[in-house]
Amino acid sequence: MENNGCDDTGRTIAPEVARLKNFGFLLKEVSRRYVLRFEQHAQQTLALTLTQCKALVQLERAEGASQARLAELTDVEPMTMVRILDRMEADQLLERRPDPADRRARCLYLTDKARPLLAEIWRIADITRGELFAGVDVAERDTFMRVLEQLHGTLTTLEAPGPAPGAASAPSPAPAKRGRTPSSSSD
């Protein structure tokens, strides 16, 4: 994105402010390109989609999860996840077992055939990350990761239920007065 150093009204703005205006766009674009690069490697090496890779990695972390929980963990619509899991089950990468606590639900487990794929997924992630950080020295990478983790923590806190950090709590309503009201009187 080109920035001419002006705001929306044409006034000149400081270069550091101009750079920050593009923060969200740049973050999204870097993420999109990183994912695309990972997918290219995964298709060449594993013949798996990004969503399948995400499902395998999340199942590695949460074996026994339900289909609904896996859809939530991978940020995939539940109906889409069912089709993905059907294919992965047909490829013998996972198995569905009855949930002992809910006979309507199924728990998901990795098969022995899936385990070597996980090692390859992590290898591809390492390669892709290495490509992304090529030319960035270790100190800058570490600083970037600390800041990114801090931003993630801030956003996680902001998404948590309850009052926003720093927000004043609303005063509680005054207790109702006791006594006779016109509707409570008896004649």
Protein backbone atom coordinates (compact mmCIF):
# COMPACT_ATOMS: atom_id res chain seq x y z
CA MET A 1 0.00 0.00 0.00
CA GLU A 2 1.34 3.38 -0.95
CA ASN A 3 1.16 6.12 1.62
CA ASN A 4 1.72 9.72 0.63
CA GLY A 5 2.08 10.94 4.24
CA CYS A 6 -1.34 12.61 4.27
CA ASP A 7 -4.48 11.86 6.22
CA ASP A 8 -7.95 11.54 4.68
CA THR A 9 -8.33 15.32 4.53
CA GLY A 10 -4.98 15.89 2.79
CA ARG A 11 -3.14 17.15 5.88
CA THR A 12 0.44 16.00 6.33
CA ILE A 13 0.92 13.48 9.11
CA ALA A 14 4.06 12.18 10.81
CA PRO A 15 5.63 9.14 9.10
CA GLU A 16 5.23 6.92 12.21
CA VAL A 17 1.51 7.74 12.34
CA ALA A 18 1.16 7.07 8.62
CA ARG A 19 2.77 3.63 9.10
CA LEU A 20 0.42 2.79 11.97
CA LYS A 21 -2.63 3.64 9.86
CA ASN A 22 -1.79 0.63 7.68
CA PHE A 23 -1.15 -1.73 10.59
CA GLY A 24 -4.30 -3.83 10.19
CA PHE A 25 -4.00 -4.06 6.42
CA LEU A 26 -0.34 -5.04 6.63
CA LEU A 27 -0.96 -7.62 9.35
CA LYS A 28 -3.74 -9.23 7.33
CA GLU A 29 -1.66 -9.21 4.13
CA VAL A 30 1.38 -10.78 5.81
CA SER A 31 -0.88 -13.42 7.36
CA ARG A 32 -2.57 -14.14 4.03
CA ARG A 33 0.75 -14.54 2.23
CA TYR A 34 2.23 -16.66 5.01
CA VAL A 35 -0.78 -19.00 4.88
CA LEU A 36 -0.58 -19.16 1.08
CA ARG A 37 3.10 -20.09 1.25
CA PHE A 38 2.39 -22.77 3.88
CA GLU A 39 -0.42 -24.18 1.71
CA GLN A 40 1.89 -24.36 -1.31
CA HIS A 41 4.42 -26.40 0.67
CA ALA A 42 1.70 -28.60 2.21
CA GLN A 43 0.09 -29.35 -1.16
CA GLN A 44 3.44 -30.28 -2.71
CA THR A 45 4.64 -32.41 0.18
CA LEU A 46 1.52 -33.79 1.88
CA ALA A 47 -1.40 -33.24 -0.50
CA LEU A 48 -3.30 -31.76 2.47
CA THR A 49 -5.20 -28.51 2.71
CA LEU A 50 -4.50 -25.93 5.37
CA THR A 51 -7.77 -26.84 7.10
CA GLN A 52 -6.79 -30.50 7.22
CA CYS A 53 -3.40 -29.54 8.68
CA LYS A 54 -5.11 -27.34 11.28
CA ALA A 55 -7.49 -30.19 12.17
CA LEU A 56 -4.60 -32.63 12.66
CA VAL A 57 -2.60 -30.18 14.77
CA GLN A 58 -5.60 -29.32 16.94
CA LEU A 59 -6.45 -33.00 17.38
CA GLU A 60 -2.87 -33.64 18.45
CA ARG A 61 -3.41 -31.06 21.21
CA ALA A 62 -6.97 -32.13 22.09
CA GLU A 63 -7.46 -35.76 21.19
CA GLY A 64 -10.95 -36.94 22.04
CA ALA A 65 -12.51 -33.60 21.10
CA SER A 66 -15.94 -33.56 19.51
CA GLN A 67 -16.50 -32.49 15.91
CA ALA A 68 -18.14 -29.29 17.16
CA ARG A 69 -15.17 -28.49 19.41
CA LEU A 70 -12.69 -29.17 16.60
CA ALA A 71 -14.65 -26.85 14.31
CA GLU A 72 -14.42 -24.16 16.98
CA LEU A 73 -10.68 -24.71 17.54
CA THR A 74 -9.93 -24.49 13.81
CA ASP A 75 -12.33 -21.62 13.11
CA VAL A 76 -14.24 -23.68 10.53
CA GLU A 77 -18.01 -23.87 10.14
CA PRO A 78 -19.35 -27.12 11.69
CA MET A 79 -20.92 -28.39 8.44
CA THR A 80 -17.68 -27.76 6.56
CA MET A 81 -15.75 -29.56 9.30
CA VAL A 82 -17.98 -32.64 8.93
CA ARG A 83 -17.06 -32.92 5.22
CA ILE A 84 -13.36 -32.44 6.01
CA LEU A 85 -13.51 -35.09 8.73
CA ASP A 86 -15.38 -37.49 6.43
CA ARG A 87 -12.51 -37.24 3.93
CA MET A 88 -9.86 -37.57 6.63
CA GLU A 89 -11.63 -40.60 8.07
CA ALA A 90 -11.80 -42.17 4.59
CA ASP A 91 -8.05 -41.51 4.29
CA GLN A 92 -7.62 -43.27 7.67
CA LEU A 93 -6.09 -40.19 9.34
CA LEU A 94 -8.60 -40.13 12.17
CA GLU A 95 -11.35 -42.20 13.68
CA ARG A 96 -14.63 -41.28 15.25
CA ARG A 97 -15.52 -43.09 18.46
CA PRO A 98 -18.72 -42.89 20.48
CA ASP A 99 -18.66 -40.31 23.26
CA PRO A 100 -19.22 -42.18 26.54
CA ALA A 101 -20.96 -39.13 28.01
CA ASP A 102 -23.27 -38.41 25.04
CA ARG A 103 -24.45 -41.20 22.76
CA ARG A 104 -25.30 -38.66 20.01
CA ALA A 105 -21.76 -37.30 19.85
CA ARG A 106 -18.52 -38.70 18.48
CA CYS A 107 -15.00 -38.13 19.79
CA LEU A 108 -12.13 -37.75 17.35
CA TYR A 109 -8.80 -39.56 17.58
CA LEU A 110 -5.72 -39.57 15.39
CA THR A 111 -4.65 -42.82 13.78
CA ASP A 112 -1.11 -44.14 13.56
CA LYS A 113 -1.15 -43.10 9.90
CA ALA A 114 -1.67 -39.43 10.90
CA ARG A 115 1.22 -39.18 13.35
CA PRO A 116 4.05 -38.98 10.77
CA LEU A 117 2.05 -36.29 8.93
CA LEU A 118 2.14 -34.12 12.04
CA ALA A 119 5.92 -34.19 12.04
CA GLU A 120 5.86 -33.13 8.39
CA ILE A 121 3.33 -30.35 9.10
CA TRP A 122 5.66 -28.95 11.78
CA ARG A 123 8.63 -29.27 9.38
CA ILE A 124 6.72 -27.32 6.73
CA ALA A 125 5.76 -24.69 9.32
CA ASP A 126 9.45 -24.34 10.22
CA ILE A 127 10.42 -23.94 6.54
CA THR A 128 7.69 -21.37 5.91
CA ARG A 129 8.58 -19.42 9.05
CA GLY A 130 12.25 -19.52 8.01
CA GLU A 131 11.34 -18.06 4.63
CA LEU A 132 9.28 -15.34 6.27
CA PHE A 133 12.03 -14.34 8.70
CA ALA A 134 14.88 -14.55 6.16
CA GLY A 135 16.95 -11.40 6.54
CA VAL A 136 15.51 -10.59 9.98
CA ASP A 137 18.09 -10.97 12.74
CA VAL A 138 17.33 -13.04 15.84
CA ALA A 139 16.96 -10.03 18.16
CA GLU A 140 14.40 -8.38 15.83
CA ARG A 141 12.51 -11.67 15.47
CA ASP A 142 12.40 -12.13 19.24
CA THR A 143 11.19 -8.56 19.74
CA PHE A 144 8.54 -9.05 17.05
CA MET A 145 7.31 -12.23 18.71
CA ARG A 146 7.15 -10.59 22.15
CA VAL A 147 5.11 -7.70 20.74
CA LEU A 148 2.84 -10.05 18.80
CA GLU A 149 2.24 -12.14 21.94
CA GLN A 150 1.50 -8.97 23.90
CA LEU A 151 -1.01 -7.83 21.25
CA HIS A 152 -2.62 -11.26 21.32
CA GLY A 153 -2.90 -11.09 25.10
CA THR A 154 -4.43 -7.62 24.94
CA LEU A 155 -7.02 -8.70 22.37
CA THR A 156 -7.82 -11.84 24.36
CA THR A 157 -8.44 -9.71 27.44
CA LEU A 158 -10.63 -7.31 25.49
CA GLU A 159 -12.71 -10.21 24.15
CA ALA A 160 -13.26 -11.69 27.61
CA PRO A 161 -16.72 -11.26 29.07
CA GLY A 162 -17.14 -8.55 31.66
CA PRO A 163 -16.28 -4.89 31.79
CA ALA A 164 -13.53 -3.59 29.55
CA PRO A 165 -10.23 -2.91 31.31
CA GLY A 166 -10.20 0.59 32.73
CA ALA A 167 -13.95 0.99 32.36
CA ALA A 168 -15.72 2.44 35.36
CA SER A 169 -18.29 0.10 36.75
CA ALA A 170 -21.83 1.32 36.59
CA PRO A 171 -23.35 2.26 39.91
CA SER A 172 -25.76 -0.29 41.21
CA PRO A 173 -29.39 0.79 41.32
CA ALA A 174 -30.68 2.16 44.58
CA PRO A 175 -32.63 -0.36 46.61
CA ALA A 176 -36.38 -0.08 46.34
CA LYS A 177 -37.98 1.84 49.18
CA ARG A 178 -40.18 -0.13 51.46
CA GLY A 179 -43.49 1.19 52.40
CA ARG A 180 -46.96 1.55 51.14
CA THR A 181 -47.54 2.33 47.54
CA PRO A 182 -50.89 3.12 46.06
CA SER A 183 -51.11 -0.38 44.54
CA SER A 184 -50.27 -2.10 47.81
CA SER A 185 -52.88 -0.39 49.95
CA SER A 186 -55.90 -2.34 51.02
CA ASP A 187 -59.29 -0.71 51.50
